[in-house]
Amino acid sequence: MVNSLNRSTLTLSLLLAASLALSACGRKGDLDRPSTPVEKQNLRGTETQKAPESPFLLDPLL
């Protein structure tokens, strides 16, 4: 009983450590070259490519 409890505890703690380590990987947003100025980071396209906004059905309720 004690041996199986130790094995279960070890397995659970290893899974927890692995999940915590993998959950912190990466960064939110697009990948940027280091030479990109701050004001242009995370922009998907030029401002001339934006489509005109059309009104949404629920806009009057907001």
PDB file of N, CA and C in Angstrom:
ATOM      1  N   MET A   1       0.822  -1.192   0.000  1.00  0.00           N
ATOM      2  CA  MET A   1       0.000   0.000   0.000  1.00  0.00           C
ATOM      3  C   MET A   1       0.866   1.255   0.000  1.00  0.00           C
ATOM      4  N   VAL A   2       1.889   1.295   0.850  1.00  0.00           N
ATOM      5  CA  VAL A   2       2.751   2.471   0.942  1.00  0.00           C
ATOM      6  C   VAL A   2       3.565   2.630  -0.338  1.00  0.00           C
ATOM      7  N   ASN A   3       4.020   1.526  -0.924  1.00  0.00           N
ATOM      8  CA  ASN A   3       4.813   1.582  -2.153  1.00  0.00           C
ATOM      9  C   ASN A   3       3.978   2.134  -3.314  1.00  0.00           C
ATOM     10  N   SER A   4       2.732   1.703  -3.422  1.00  0.00           N
ATOM     11  CA  SER A   4       1.885   2.196  -4.509  1.00  0.00           C
ATOM     12  C   SER A   4       1.520   3.668  -4.293  1.00  0.00           C
ATOM     13  N   LEU A   5       1.389   4.089  -3.021  1.00  0.00           N
ATOM     14  CA  LEU A   5       1.111   5.487  -2.724  1.00  0.00           C
ATOM     15  C   LEU A   5       2.298   6.370  -3.098  1.00  0.00           C
ATOM     16  N   ASN A   6       3.508   5.911  -2.818  1.00  0.00           N
ATOM     17  CA  ASN A   6       4.707   6.662  -3.193  1.00  0.00           C
ATOM     18  C   ASN A   6       4.845   6.764  -4.708  1.00  0.00           C
ATOM     19  N   ARG A   7       4.549   5.690  -5.410  1.00  0.00           N
ATOM     20  CA  ARG A   7       4.638   5.686  -6.867  1.00  0.00           C
ATOM     21  C   ARG A   7       3.587   6.621  -7.469  1.00  0.00           C
ATOM     22  N   SER A   8       2.389   6.593  -6.911  1.00  0.00           N
ATOM     23  CA  SER A   8       1.329   7.483  -7.398  1.00  0.00           C
ATOM     24  C   SER A   8       1.683   8.937  -7.143  1.00  0.00           C
ATOM     25  N   THR A   9       2.245   9.218  -5.984  1.00  0.00           N
ATOM     26  CA  THR A   9       2.642  10.586  -5.656  1.00  0.00           C
ATOM     27  C   THR A   9       3.755  11.066  -6.576  1.00  0.00           C
ATOM     28  N   LEU A  10       4.714  10.206  -6.835  1.00  0.00           N
ATOM     29  CA  LEU A  10       5.810  10.558  -7.734  1.00  0.00           C
ATOM     30  C   LEU A  10       5.297  10.804  -9.154  1.00  0.00           C
ATOM     31  N   THR A  11       4.419   9.948  -9.633  1.00  0.00           N
ATOM     32  CA  THR A  11       3.864  10.100 -10.979  1.00  0.00           C
ATOM     33  C   THR A  11       3.055  11.389 -11.091  1.00  0.00           C
ATOM     34  N   LEU A  12       2.240  11.652 -10.090  1.00  0.00           N
ATOM     35  CA  LEU A  12       1.425  12.858 -10.108  1.00  0.00           C
ATOM     36  C   LEU A  12       2.286  14.113 -10.056  1.00  0.00           C
ATOM     37  N   SER A  13       3.321  14.104  -9.243  1.00  0.00           N
ATOM     38  CA  SER A  13       4.177  15.288  -9.150  1.00  0.00           C
ATOM     39  C   SER A  13       4.984  15.494 -10.432  1.00  0.00           C
ATOM     40  N   LEU A  14       5.407  14.431 -11.097  1.00  0.00           N
ATOM     41  CA  LEU A  14       6.106  14.578 -12.376  1.00  0.00           C
ATOM     42  C   LEU A  14       5.181  15.118 -13.457  1.00  0.00           C
ATOM     43  N   LEU A  15       3.948  14.644 -13.493  1.00  0.00           N
ATOM     44  CA  LEU A  15       2.983  15.164 -14.467  1.00  0.00           C
ATOM     45  C   LEU A  15       2.664  16.631 -14.202  1.00  0.00           C
ATOM     46  N   LEU A  16       2.551  16.998 -12.953  1.00  0.00           N
ATOM     47  CA  LEU A  16       2.289  18.388 -12.605  1.00  0.00           C
ATOM     48  C   LEU A  16       3.462  19.283 -12.994  1.00  0.00           C
ATOM     49  N   ALA A  17       4.681  18.825 -12.714  1.00  0.00           N
ATOM     50  CA  ALA A  17       5.865  19.614 -13.073  1.00  0.00           C
ATOM     51  C   ALA A  17       5.976  19.773 -14.590  1.00  0.00           C
ATOM     52  N   ALA A  18       5.696  18.690 -15.331  1.00  0.00           N
ATOM     53  CA  ALA A  18       5.769  18.764 -16.793  1.00  0.00           C
ATOM     54  C   ALA A  18       4.699  19.699 -17.352  1.00  0.00           C
ATOM     55  N   SER A  19       3.496  19.651 -16.806  1.00  0.00           N
ATOM     56  CA  SER A  19       2.431  20.518 -17.319  1.00  0.00           C
ATOM     57  C   SER A  19       2.712  21.986 -17.000  1.00  0.00           C
ATOM     58  N   LEU A  20       3.283  22.271 -15.842  1.00  0.00           N
ATOM     59  CA  LEU A  20       3.628  23.650 -15.514  1.00  0.00           C
ATOM     60  C   LEU A  20       4.765  24.168 -16.396  1.00  0.00           C
ATOM     61  N   ALA A  21       5.722  23.307 -16.682  1.00  0.00           N
ATOM     62  CA  ALA A  21       6.846  23.719 -17.529  1.00  0.00           C
ATOM     63  C   ALA A  21       6.388  23.989 -18.958  1.00  0.00           C
ATOM     64  N   LEU A  22       5.493  23.154 -19.476  1.00  0.00           N
ATOM     65  CA  LEU A  22       5.041  23.327 -20.853  1.00  0.00           C
ATOM     66  C   LEU A  22       4.015  24.444 -21.005  1.00  0.00           C
ATOM     67  N   SER A  23       3.321  24.786 -19.952  1.00  0.00           N
ATOM     68  CA  SER A  23       2.300  25.831 -20.062  1.00  0.00           C
ATOM     69  C   SER A  23       2.910  27.223 -20.186  1.00  0.00           C
ATOM     70  N   ALA A  24       4.157  27.397 -19.815  1.00  0.00           N
ATOM     71  CA  ALA A  24       4.794  28.705 -19.872  1.00  0.00           C
ATOM     72  C   ALA A  24       5.586  28.916 -21.162  1.00  0.00           C
ATOM     73  N   CYS A  25       5.483  28.014 -22.110  1.00  0.00           N
ATOM     74  CA  CYS A  25       6.237  28.145 -23.363  1.00  0.00           C
ATOM     75  C   CYS A  25       5.525  29.106 -24.309  1.00  0.00           C
ATOM     76  N   GLY A  26       6.296  29.881 -25.014  1.00  0.00           N
ATOM     77  CA  GLY A  26       5.746  30.726 -26.062  1.00  0.00           C
ATOM     78  C   GLY A  26       5.372  32.108 -25.586  1.00  0.00           C
ATOM     79  N   ARG A  27       4.880  32.881 -26.539  1.00  0.00           N
ATOM     80  CA  ARG A  27       4.491  34.258 -26.292  1.00  0.00           C
ATOM     81  C   ARG A  27       3.281  34.538 -27.158  1.00  0.00           C
ATOM     82  N   LYS A  28       2.354  35.294 -26.641  1.00  0.00           N
ATOM     83  CA  LYS A  28       1.153  35.616 -27.386  1.00  0.00           C
ATOM     84  C   LYS A  28       1.471  36.663 -28.448  1.00  0.00           C
ATOM     85  N   GLY A  29       0.981  36.465 -29.637  1.00  0.00           N
ATOM     86  CA  GLY A  29       1.159  37.442 -30.705  1.00  0.00           C
ATOM     87  C   GLY A  29       1.989  36.882 -31.843  1.00  0.00           C
ATOM     88  N   ASP A  30       2.118  37.690 -32.862  1.00  0.00           N
ATOM     89  CA  ASP A  30       2.891  37.293 -34.032  1.00  0.00           C
ATOM     90  C   ASP A  30       4.386  37.338 -33.716  1.00  0.00           C
ATOM     91  N   LEU A  31       5.148  36.555 -34.455  1.00  0.00           N
ATOM     92  CA  LEU A  31       6.594  36.603 -34.313  1.00  0.00           C
ATOM     93  C   LEU A  31       7.125  37.843 -35.024  1.00  0.00           C
ATOM     94  N   ASP A  32       7.966  38.581 -34.362  1.00  0.00           N
ATOM     95  CA  ASP A  32       8.517  39.816 -34.911  1.00  0.00           C
ATOM     96  C   ASP A  32      10.024  39.697 -35.024  1.00  0.00           C
ATOM     97  N   ARG A  33      10.568  40.297 -36.068  1.00  0.00           N
ATOM     98  CA  ARG A  33      12.021  40.368 -36.173  1.00  0.00           C
ATOM     99  C   ARG A  33      12.527  41.344 -35.132  1.00  0.00           C
ATOM    100  N   PRO A  34      13.724  41.160 -34.606  1.00  0.00           N
ATOM    101  CA  PRO A  34      14.240  42.064 -33.591  1.00  0.00           C
ATOM    102  C   PRO A  34      14.390  43.506 -34.066  1.00  0.00           C
ATOM    103  N   SER A  35      14.526  43.724 -35.367  1.00  0.00           N
ATOM    104  CA  SER A  35      14.719  45.083 -35.868  1.00  0.00           C
ATOM    105  C   SER A  35      13.402  45.836 -36.081  1.00  0.00           C
ATOM    106  N   THR A  36      12.277  45.212 -35.780  1.00  0.00           N
ATOM    107  CA  THR A  36      10.991  45.865 -35.970  1.00  0.00           C
ATOM    108  C   THR A  36      10.766  46.914 -34.887  1.00  0.00           C
ATOM    109  N   PRO A  37      10.430  48.147 -35.273  1.00  0.00           N
ATOM    110  CA  PRO A  37      10.166  49.182 -34.263  1.00  0.00           C
ATOM    111  C   PRO A  37       8.954  48.816 -33.403  1.00  0.00           C
ATOM    112  N   VAL A  38       8.909  49.345 -32.203  1.00  0.00           N
ATOM    113  CA  VAL A  38       7.862  49.004 -31.248  1.00  0.00           C
ATOM    114  C   VAL A  38       6.482  49.370 -31.791  1.00  0.00           C
ATOM    115  N   GLU A  39       6.370  50.498 -32.453  1.00  0.00           N
ATOM    116  CA  GLU A  39       5.055  50.929 -32.925  1.00  0.00           C
ATOM    117  C   GLU A  39       4.526  50.073 -34.072  1.00  0.00           C
ATOM    118  N   LYS A  40       5.390  49.288 -34.706  1.00  0.00           N
ATOM    119  CA  LYS A  40       4.938  48.431 -35.803  1.00  0.00           C
ATOM    120  C   LYS A  40       4.870  46.959 -35.423  1.00  0.00           C
ATOM    121  N   GLN A  41       5.169  46.624 -34.200  1.00  0.00           N
ATOM    122  CA  GLN A  41       5.101  45.233 -33.778  1.00  0.00           C
ATOM    123  C   GLN A  41       3.650  44.799 -33.645  1.00  0.00           C
ATOM    124  N   ASN A  42       3.405  43.547 -33.949  1.00  0.00           N
ATOM    125  CA  ASN A  42       2.098  42.894 -33.845  1.00  0.00           C
ATOM    126  C   ASN A  42       1.027  43.503 -34.742  1.00  0.00           C
ATOM    127  N   LEU A  43       1.418  44.159 -35.824  1.00  0.00           N
ATOM    128  CA  LEU A  43       0.463  44.629 -36.817  1.00  0.00           C
ATOM    129  C   LEU A  43       0.416  43.595 -37.931  1.00  0.00           C
ATOM    130  N   ARG A  44      -0.749  43.227 -38.356  1.00  0.00           N
ATOM    131  CA  ARG A  44      -0.881  42.162 -39.352  1.00  0.00           C
ATOM    132  C   ARG A  44      -0.748  42.673 -40.782  1.00  0.00           C
ATOM    133  N   GLY A  45      -1.019  43.890 -41.040  1.00  0.00           N
ATOM    134  CA  GLY A  45      -0.918  44.400 -42.404  1.00  0.00           C
ATOM    135  C   GLY A  45      -0.813  45.904 -42.383  1.00  0.00           C
ATOM    136  N   THR A  46      -0.728  46.469 -43.552  1.00  0.00           N
ATOM    137  CA  THR A  46      -0.664  47.921 -43.604  1.00  0.00           C
ATOM    138  C   THR A  46      -2.054  48.496 -43.384  1.00  0.00           C
ATOM    139  N   GLU A  47      -2.102  49.730 -43.060  1.00  0.00           N
ATOM    140  CA  GLU A  47      -3.379  50.351 -42.746  1.00  0.00           C
ATOM    141  C   GLU A  47      -4.225  50.593 -43.988  1.00  0.00           C
ATOM    142  N   THR A  48      -3.627  50.538 -45.162  1.00  0.00           N
ATOM    143  CA  THR A  48      -4.396  50.714 -46.388  1.00  0.00           C
ATOM    144  C   THR A  48      -5.159  49.458 -46.752  1.00  0.00           C
ATOM    145  N   GLN A  49      -4.824  48.328 -46.152  1.00  0.00           N
ATOM    146  CA  GLN A  49      -5.495  47.073 -46.480  1.00  0.00           C
ATOM    147  C   GLN A  49      -6.725  46.820 -45.607  1.00  0.00           C
ATOM    148  N   LYS A  50      -7.030  47.704 -44.688  1.00  0.00           N
ATOM    149  CA  LYS A  50      -8.177  47.505 -43.819  1.00  0.00           C
ATOM    150  C   LYS A  50      -9.468  47.678 -44.594  1.00  0.00           C
ATOM    151  N   ALA A  51     -10.408  46.781 -44.339  1.00  0.00           N
ATOM    152  CA  ALA A  51     -11.716  46.866 -44.971  1.00  0.00           C
ATOM    153  C   ALA A  51     -12.588  47.816 -44.163  1.00  0.00           C
ATOM    154  N   PRO A  52     -13.498  48.497 -44.811  1.00  0.00           N
ATOM    155  CA  PRO A  52     -14.398  49.385 -44.051  1.00  0.00           C
ATOM    156  C   PRO A  52     -15.273  48.556 -43.111  1.00  0.00           C
ATOM    157  N   GLU A  53     -15.495  49.092 -41.925  1.00  0.00           N
ATOM    158  CA  GLU A  53     -16.294  48.367 -40.947  1.00  0.00           C
ATOM    159  C   GLU A  53     -17.767  48.499 -41.263  1.00  0.00           C
ATOM    160  N   SER A  54     -18.452  47.369 -41.223  1.00  0.00           N
ATOM    161  CA  SER A  54     -19.894  47.400 -41.409  1.00  0.00           C
ATOM    162  C   SER A  54     -20.561  47.261 -40.044  1.00  0.00           C
ATOM    163  N   PRO A  55     -21.695  47.871 -39.855  1.00  0.00           N
ATOM    164  CA  PRO A  55     -22.350  47.804 -38.548  1.00  0.00           C
ATOM    165  C   PRO A  55     -22.788  46.373 -38.229  1.00  0.00           C
ATOM    166  N   PHE A  56     -22.668  46.032 -36.972  1.00  0.00           N
ATOM    167  CA  PHE A  56     -23.069  44.719 -36.494  1.00  0.00           C
ATOM    168  C   PHE A  56     -24.523  44.782 -36.067  1.00  0.00           C
ATOM    169  N   LEU A  57     -25.220  43.680 -36.157  1.00  0.00           N
ATOM    170  CA  LEU A  57     -26.643  43.627 -35.855  1.00  0.00           C
ATOM    171  C   LEU A  57     -26.959  44.087 -34.435  1.00  0.00           C
ATOM    172  N   LEU A  58     -26.118  43.753 -33.482  1.00  0.00           N
ATOM    173  CA  LEU A  58     -26.395  44.074 -32.080  1.00  0.00           C
ATOM    174  C   LEU A  58     -25.744  45.371 -31.598  1.00  0.00           C
ATOM    175  N   ASP A  59     -25.163  46.163 -32.495  1.00  0.00           N
ATOM    176  CA  ASP A  59     -24.521  47.421 -32.095  1.00  0.00           C
ATOM    177  C   ASP A  59     -25.463  48.379 -31.359  1.00  0.00           C
ATOM    178  N   PRO A  60     -26.706  48.538 -31.771  1.00  0.00           N
ATOM    179  CA  PRO A  60     -27.583  49.458 -31.027  1.00  0.00           C
ATOM    180  C   PRO A  60     -27.795  49.035 -29.571  1.00  0.00           C
ATOM    181  N   LEU A  61     -27.683  47.760 -29.279  1.00  0.00           N
ATOM    182  CA  LEU A  61     -27.889  47.306 -27.900  1.00  0.00           C
ATOM    183  C   LEU A  61     -26.686  47.591 -27.027  1.00  0.00           C
ATOM    184  N   LEU A  62     -25.526  47.728 -27.651  1.00  0.00           N
ATOM    185  CA  LEU A  62     -24.318  47.984 -26.873  1.00  0.00           C
ATOM    186  C   LEU A  62     -24.203  49.442 -26.572  1.00  0.00           C
TER     187      LEU A  62
END
